[in-house]
C-alpha atoms as a PDB file:
ATOM      1  CA  UNK A   1       0.289   0.042  -0.343  1.00  0.00           C
ATOM      2  CA  UNK A   2       1.526   3.132  -1.064  1.00  0.00           C
ATOM      3  CA  UNK A   3       0.476   6.518   0.139  1.00  0.00           C
ATOM      4  CA  UNK A   4       0.584   8.092  -4.127  1.00  0.00           C
ATOM      5  CA  UNK A   5      -2.394   5.431  -4.155  1.00  0.00           C
ATOM      6  CA  UNK A   6      -3.970   6.944  -1.548  1.00  0.00           C
ATOM      7  CA  UNK A   7      -3.832  10.680  -3.047  1.00  0.00           C
ATOM      8  CA  UNK A   8      -4.983   9.294  -6.208  1.00  0.00           C
ATOM      9  CA  UNK A   9      -8.079   7.875  -4.873  1.00  0.00           C
ATOM     10  CA  UNK A  10     -11.299   8.710  -6.574  1.00  0.00           C
ATOM     11  CA  UNK A  11     -13.155   9.320  -3.576  1.00  0.00           C
ATOM     12  CA  UNK A  12     -10.196  11.659  -2.022  1.00  0.00           C
ATOM     13  CA  UNK A  13     -11.863  15.165  -1.839  1.00  0.00           C
ATOM     14  CA  UNK A  14      -8.691  17.589  -1.703  1.00  0.00           C
ATOM     15  CA  UNK A  15     -10.240  19.910   0.163  1.00  0.00           C
ATOM     16  CA  UNK A  16     -11.905  17.035   3.181  1.00  0.00           C
ATOM     17  CA  UNK A  17      -9.241  16.022   5.942  1.00  0.00           C
ATOM     18  CA  UNK A  18     -11.309  13.500   7.087  1.00  0.00           C
ATOM     19  CA  UNK A  19      -9.397  10.802   4.468  1.00  0.00           C
ATOM     20  CA  UNK A  20      -6.052  12.419   5.126  1.00  0.00           C
ATOM     21  CA  UNK A  21      -7.226  11.985   9.145  1.00  0.00           C
ATOM     22  CA  UNK A  22      -8.527   7.709   8.295  1.00  0.00           C
ATOM     23  CA  UNK A  23      -5.618   7.682   5.483  1.00  0.00           C
ATOM     24  CA  UNK A  24      -3.163   7.919   8.401  1.00  0.00           C
ATOM     25  CA  UNK A  25      -4.882   6.179  10.760  1.00  0.00           C
ATOM     26  CA  UNK A  26      -5.024   2.935   8.808  1.00  0.00           C
ATOM     27  CA  UNK A  27      -1.648   3.507   7.584  1.00  0.00           C
ATOM     28  CA  UNK A  28      -0.348   3.722  11.327  1.00  0.00           C
ATOM     29  CA  UNK A  29      -2.118   0.697  12.333  1.00  0.00           C
ATOM     30  CA  UNK A  30      -0.260  -1.127   9.169  1.00  0.00           C
ATOM     31  CA  UNK A  31       3.017  -0.396  10.800  1.00  0.00           C
ATOM     32  CA  UNK A  32       3.765   2.262   8.193  1.00  0.00           C
ATOM     33  CA  UNK A  33       4.266   5.532  10.461  1.00  0.00           C
ATOM     34  CA  UNK A  34       6.488   7.359   8.091  1.00  0.00           C
ATOM     35  CA  UNK A  35       3.665   7.124   5.294  1.00  0.00           C
ATOM     36  CA  UNK A  36       0.980   7.821   8.247  1.00  0.00           C
ATOM     37  CA  UNK A  37       2.446  11.113   9.001  1.00  0.00           C
ATOM     38  CA  UNK A  38       2.507  12.491   5.661  1.00  0.00           C
ATOM     39  CA  UNK A  39      -0.976  12.672   5.459  1.00  0.00           C
ATOM     40  CA  UNK A  40      -1.620  13.293   8.876  1.00  0.00           C
ATOM     41  CA  UNK A  41       0.428  16.567   8.165  1.00  0.00           C
ATOM     42  CA  UNK A  42      -1.424  17.073   4.885  1.00  0.00           C
ATOM     43  CA  UNK A  43      -4.862  16.925   7.250  1.00  0.00           C
ATOM     44  CA  UNK A  44      -2.894  18.895   9.691  1.00  0.00           C
ATOM     45  CA  UNK A  45      -1.910  21.650   7.289  1.00  0.00           C
ATOM     46  CA  UNK A  46      -5.521  22.269   6.195  1.00  0.00           C
ATOM     47  CA  UNK A  47      -7.088  21.988   9.868  1.00  0.00           C
ATOM     48  CA  UNK A  48      -4.702  22.806  12.676  1.00  0.00           C
ATOM     49  CA  UNK A  49      -7.106  22.718  15.376  1.00  0.00           C
ATOM     50  CA  UNK A  50      -8.304  19.464  14.777  1.00  0.00           C
ATOM     51  CA  UNK A  51      -6.840  17.322  18.130  1.00  0.00           C
ATOM     52  CA  UNK A  52      -7.839  13.886  16.739  1.00  0.00           C
ATOM     53  CA  UNK A  53      -5.038  14.562  14.046  1.00  0.00           C
ATOM     54  CA  UNK A  54      -2.561  15.444  16.618  1.00  0.00           C
ATOM     55  CA  UNK A  55      -3.182  12.868  18.805  1.00  0.00           C
ATOM     56  CA  UNK A  56      -2.630  10.493  16.053  1.00  0.00           C
ATOM     57  CA  UNK A  57       0.493  12.513  14.613  1.00  0.00           C
ATOM     58  CA  UNK A  58       2.241  12.134  18.125  1.00  0.00           C
ATOM     59  CA  UNK A  59       1.075   8.406  17.955  1.00  0.00           C
ATOM     60  CA  UNK A  60       3.114   7.882  14.539  1.00  0.00           C
ATOM     61  CA  UNK A  61       6.005   9.782  15.837  1.00  0.00           C
ATOM     62  CA  UNK A  62       6.609   7.776  19.150  1.00  0.00           C
ATOM     63  CA  UNK A  63       6.576   4.583  16.725  1.00  0.00           C
ATOM     64  CA  UNK A  64       9.325   6.247  14.991  1.00  0.00           C
ATOM     65  CA  UNK A  65      10.785   6.836  17.915  1.00  0.00           C
ATOM     66  CA  UNK A  66      10.452  10.628  17.615  1.00  0.00           C
ATOM     67  CA  UNK A  67       9.233  11.353  21.404  1.00  0.00           C
ATOM     68  CA  UNK A  68      10.116  15.202  20.834  1.00  0.00           C
ATOM     69  CA  UNK A  69       7.748  15.434  18.018  1.00  0.00           C
ATOM     70  CA  UNK A  70       5.639  13.192  19.477  1.00  0.00           C
ATOM     71  CA  UNK A  71       5.552  15.054  22.832  1.00  0.00           C
ATOM     72  CA  UNK A  72       5.082  17.807  21.010  1.00  0.00           C
ATOM     73  CA  UNK A  73       1.914  16.941  18.718  1.00  0.00           C
ATOM     74  CA  UNK A  74       0.017  15.125  21.901  1.00  0.00           C
ATOM     75  CA  UNK A  75       0.380  18.430  24.033  1.00  0.00           C
ATOM     76  CA  UNK A  76      -1.344  20.546  21.234  1.00  0.00           C
ATOM     77  CA  UNK A  77      -3.689  17.701  20.862  1.00  0.00           C
ATOM     78  CA  UNK A  78      -4.264  17.865  24.638  1.00  0.00           C
ATOM     79  CA  UNK A  79      -4.463  21.999  24.300  1.00  0.00           C
ATOM     80  CA  UNK A  80      -7.070  21.396  21.659  1.00  0.00           C
ATOM     81  CA  UNK A  81      -9.032  19.435  23.236  1.00  0.00           C
ATOM     82  CA  UNK A  82      -9.246  21.116  26.550  1.00  0.00           C
ATOM     83  CA  UNK A  83     -10.097  24.128  24.665  1.00  0.00           C
ATOM     84  CA  UNK A  84     -13.322  22.442  22.698  1.00  0.00           C
ATOM     85  CA  UNK A  85     -13.956  21.013  26.166  1.00  0.00           C
ATOM     86  CA  UNK A  86     -14.476  23.955  27.858  1.00  0.00           C
ATOM     87  CA  UNK A  87     -17.121  25.788  24.930  1.00  0.00           C
END
């Protein structure tokens, strides 16, 4: 499975973040954190206030042993979730 194949999928609307988040989650679960990060970074650039995206990015970075990046993303996810909970 390649990221290129996902990007060319006809169901993938480039204006929606959901497919990129889903793609990242699937790739992370399949043990392909590098590809997951690429998809999730795309989603985060499109919607930087999505706590789920940042949480998944944190998990993927942790899988690669990139603990500093993982902690940064998990902290962002926590802050965004806290802000959402307070509304």
